[in-house]
C-alpha atoms as a PDB file:
ATOM      1  CA  MET A   1      11.802   5.111 -68.308  1.00  0.00           C
ATOM      2  CA  LEU A   2      12.465   8.516 -66.765  1.00  0.00           C
ATOM      3  CA  ARG A   3      12.547  11.682 -68.861  1.00  0.00           C
ATOM      4  CA  VAL A   4      13.835  14.978 -67.581  1.00  0.00           C
ATOM      5  CA  VAL A   5      13.556  18.182 -69.602  1.00  0.00           C
ATOM      6  CA  PHE A   6      16.239  20.874 -69.218  1.00  0.00           C
ATOM      7  CA  VAL A   7      15.553  24.044 -71.222  1.00  0.00           C
ATOM      8  CA  GLY A   8      14.544  22.365 -74.432  1.00  0.00           C
ATOM      9  CA  ALA A   9      16.719  19.248 -74.101  1.00  0.00           C
ATOM     10  CA  VAL A  10      15.287  15.836 -73.304  1.00  0.00           C
ATOM     11  CA  ILE A  11      17.412  13.386 -71.320  1.00  0.00           C
ATOM     12  CA  THR A  12      16.247   9.798 -71.130  1.00  0.00           C
ATOM     13  CA  CYS A  13      17.526   7.501 -68.431  1.00  0.00           C
ATOM     14  CA  THR A  14      16.516   3.868 -68.759  1.00  0.00           C
ATOM     15  CA  SER A  15      18.746   2.494 -66.011  1.00  0.00           C
ATOM     16  CA  LEU A  16      17.014   4.243 -63.070  1.00  0.00           C
ATOM     17  CA  SER A  17      14.052   2.596 -61.465  1.00  0.00           C
ATOM     18  CA  LEU A  18      12.086   4.399 -58.780  1.00  0.00           C
ATOM     19  CA  GLY A  19      11.998   1.119 -56.867  1.00  0.00           C
ATOM     20  CA  GLN A  20      15.763   1.393 -56.393  1.00  0.00           C
ATOM     21  CA  VAL A  21      15.633   4.538 -54.246  1.00  0.00           C
ATOM     22  CA  ASN A  22      17.257   3.927 -50.855  1.00  0.00           C
ATOM     23  CA  VAL A  23      14.421   4.498 -48.397  1.00  0.00           C
ATOM     24  CA  GLN A  24      16.863   4.422 -45.420  1.00  0.00           C
ATOM     25  CA  ALA A  25      18.675   7.460 -46.857  1.00  0.00           C
ATOM     26  CA  LEU A  26      15.367   9.347 -46.985  1.00  0.00           C
ATOM     27  CA  ALA A  27      14.279   8.363 -43.468  1.00  0.00           C
ATOM     28  CA  ASN A  28      14.056  11.030 -40.806  1.00  0.00           C
ATOM     29  CA  VAL A  29      16.672  10.002 -38.239  1.00  0.00           C
ATOM     30  CA  THR A  30      16.464  11.545 -34.759  1.00  0.00           C
ATOM     31  CA  VAL A  31      18.662  11.254 -31.695  1.00  0.00           C
ATOM     32  CA  THR A  32      17.404  12.032 -28.191  1.00  0.00           C
ATOM     33  CA  ILE A  33      19.424  12.166 -24.989  1.00  0.00           C
ATOM     34  CA  THR A  34      18.373  11.806 -21.362  1.00  0.00           C
ATOM     35  CA  PRO A  35      18.752  13.754 -19.144  1.00  0.00           C
ATOM     36  CA  LEU A  36      18.854  16.999 -21.132  1.00  0.00           C
ATOM     37  CA  LYS A  37      20.211  19.115 -18.267  1.00  0.00           C
ATOM     38  CA  VAL A  38      22.075  18.153 -15.124  1.00  0.00           C
ATOM     39  CA  THR A  39      24.044  19.907 -12.384  1.00  0.00           C
ATOM     40  CA  LEU A  40      27.026  18.097 -10.871  1.00  0.00           C
ATOM     41  CA  PHE A  41      29.821  18.836  -8.458  1.00  0.00           C
ATOM     42  CA  ALA A  42      33.408  18.585  -9.699  1.00  0.00           C
ATOM     43  CA  GLY A  43      34.435  14.943 -10.102  1.00  0.00           C
ATOM     44  CA  GLU A  44      30.900  13.520  -9.934  1.00  0.00           C
ATOM     45  CA  MET A  45      29.594  11.054 -12.518  1.00  0.00           C
ATOM     46  CA  GLN A  46      26.353  10.952 -14.521  1.00  0.00           C
ATOM     47  CA  ALA A  47      25.016   8.278 -16.884  1.00  0.00           C
ATOM     48  CA  PHE A  48      23.416   9.534 -20.112  1.00  0.00           C
ATOM     49  CA  VAL A  49      21.163   7.483 -22.394  1.00  0.00           C
ATOM     50  CA  ALA A  50      20.746   8.157 -26.122  1.00  0.00           C
ATOM     51  CA  THR A  51      17.964   6.825 -28.348  1.00  0.00           C
ATOM     52  CA  VAL A  52      18.181   6.714 -32.155  1.00  0.00           C
ATOM     53  CA  ASP A  53      14.920   6.540 -34.140  1.00  0.00           C
ATOM     54  CA  GLY A  54      14.535   6.134 -37.902  1.00  0.00           C
ATOM     55  CA  ALA A  55      17.791   4.213 -38.510  1.00  0.00           C
ATOM     56  CA  SER A  56      18.682   0.549 -38.374  1.00  0.00           C
ATOM     57  CA  ASP A  57      21.931   1.369 -36.522  1.00  0.00           C
ATOM     58  CA  LYS A  58      20.846   2.465 -33.033  1.00  0.00           C
ATOM     59  CA  SER A  59      24.378   3.152 -31.726  1.00  0.00           C
ATOM     60  CA  VAL A  60      25.880   6.563 -30.946  1.00  0.00           C
ATOM     61  CA  SER A  61      29.272   8.145 -30.433  1.00  0.00           C
ATOM     62  CA  TRP A  62      29.666  10.182 -27.245  1.00  0.00           C
ATOM     63  CA  ALA A  63      31.784  13.327 -26.875  1.00  0.00           C
ATOM     64  CA  VAL A  64      32.370  16.329 -24.631  1.00  0.00           C
ATOM     65  CA  GLU A  65      32.362  19.471 -26.769  1.00  0.00           C
ATOM     66  CA  GLU A  66      34.576  21.686 -24.611  1.00  0.00           C
ATOM     67  CA  GLU A  67      38.266  21.103 -24.098  1.00  0.00           C
ATOM     68  CA  ASP A  68      38.962  20.099 -20.476  1.00  0.00           C
ATOM     69  CA  GLY A  69      35.195  19.626 -20.019  1.00  0.00           C
ATOM     70  CA  GLY A  70      35.442  16.239 -18.366  1.00  0.00           C
ATOM     71  CA  SER A  71      35.260  12.828 -19.990  1.00  0.00           C
ATOM     72  CA  ILE A  72      32.614  10.414 -21.247  1.00  0.00           C
ATOM     73  CA  THR A  73      32.836   6.672 -21.845  1.00  0.00           C
ATOM     74  CA  ASP A  74      31.588   4.765 -24.900  1.00  0.00           C
ATOM     75  CA  SER A  75      28.576   3.741 -22.800  1.00  0.00           C
ATOM     76  CA  GLY A  76      27.619   7.346 -21.914  1.00  0.00           C
ATOM     77  CA  VAL A  77      28.992   7.717 -18.372  1.00  0.00           C
ATOM     78  CA  TYR A  78      30.257  11.272 -17.885  1.00  0.00           C
ATOM     79  CA  THR A  79      32.781  12.407 -15.266  1.00  0.00           C
ATOM     80  CA  ALA A  80      32.713  16.126 -14.472  1.00  0.00           C
ATOM     81  CA  PRO A  81      35.974  18.077 -14.557  1.00  0.00           C
ATOM     82  CA  LYS A  82      37.525  19.857 -11.583  1.00  0.00           C
ATOM     83  CA  ILE A  83      36.791  23.217 -13.226  1.00  0.00           C
ATOM     84  CA  GLN A  84      33.445  24.937 -12.656  1.00  0.00           C
ATOM     85  CA  GLY A  85      31.516  25.749 -15.834  1.00  0.00           C
ATOM     86  CA  VAL A  86      28.868  24.774 -18.354  1.00  0.00           C
ATOM     87  CA  TYR A  87      29.681  21.864 -20.668  1.00  0.00           C
ATOM     88  CA  HIS A  88      27.921  20.027 -23.487  1.00  0.00           C
ATOM     89  CA  ILE A  89      27.698  16.278 -24.032  1.00  0.00           C
ATOM     90  CA  THR A  90      26.894  15.173 -27.595  1.00  0.00           C
ATOM     91  CA  ALA A  91      25.437  11.915 -28.837  1.00  0.00           C
ATOM     92  CA  THR A  92      25.954  11.413 -32.587  1.00  0.00           C
ATOM     93  CA  SER A  93      24.232   8.695 -34.609  1.00  0.00           C
ATOM     94  CA  LYS A  94      26.817   6.246 -35.968  1.00  0.00           C
ATOM     95  CA  GLY A  95      24.504   5.440 -38.888  1.00  0.00           C
ATOM     96  CA  LYS A  96      23.914   9.071 -39.885  1.00  0.00           C
ATOM     97  CA  ARG A  97      26.819  11.194 -38.606  1.00  0.00           C
ATOM     98  CA  GLN A  98      25.149  14.543 -39.301  1.00  0.00           C
ATOM     99  CA  THR A  99      22.396  13.678 -36.788  1.00  0.00           C
ATOM    100  CA  LYS A 100      23.244  14.501 -33.197  1.00  0.00           C
ATOM    101  CA  THR A 101      21.891  16.071 -30.044  1.00  0.00           C
ATOM    102  CA  PHE A 102      23.368  17.452 -26.855  1.00  0.00           C
ATOM    103  CA  ALA A 103      22.835  17.725 -23.120  1.00  0.00           C
ATOM    104  CA  THR A 104      23.976  20.578 -20.903  1.00  0.00           C
ATOM    105  CA  VAL A 105      26.003  19.930 -17.755  1.00  0.00           C
ATOM    106  CA  THR A 106      26.585  22.634 -15.160  1.00  0.00           C
ATOM    107  CA  VAL A 107      29.576  21.812 -12.962  1.00  0.00           C
ATOM    108  CA  LEU A 108      29.902  23.383  -9.532  1.00  0.00           C
ATOM    109  CA  THR A 109      32.855  23.257  -7.187  1.00  0.00           C
ATOM    110  CA  TYR A 110      32.481  22.495  -3.500  1.00  0.00           C
ATOM    111  CA  CYS A 111      32.455  25.539  -1.315  1.00  0.00           C
ATOM    112  CA  ASP A 112      33.602  25.048   2.261  1.00  0.00           C
ATOM    113  CA  PRO A 113      32.492  27.930   4.468  1.00  0.00           C
ATOM    114  CA  ILE A 114      35.321  29.848   6.061  1.00  0.00           C
ATOM    115  CA  PRO A 115      35.129  29.518   9.830  1.00  0.00           C
ATOM    116  CA  VAL A 116      34.439  32.780  11.546  1.00  0.00           C
ATOM    117  CA  ALA A 117      36.416  33.585  14.679  1.00  0.00           C
ATOM    118  CA  PHE A 118      34.298  34.955  17.485  1.00  0.00           C
ATOM    119  CA  SER A 119      35.729  37.288  20.059  1.00  0.00           C
ATOM    120  CA  ARG A 120      34.084  38.112  23.339  1.00  0.00           C
END
């Protein structure tokens, strides 16, 4: 039997057993992603790996945070956009949606040197 006192009132709850607390809900769930930082050229691909600890469901949802920031498959393979910039890849635990982590991708564009004309 559990008794809780609120400013002079006693509430008795006989239907709650401490053995019924969902331990999974109290577990500390963490998500890690590898690599954490990467630099790619426009159009290049990079595989990311996410690990979920503290949850029975080890799967994640992948996303690119920025609009037009490239694309990522359900298996974590990212394709860089044609636009130079810094983008963020997120891996979110499917078992505990509020738990996620991110990696940073710097995308560079190719730079062909301009030929210099020599005069003699």
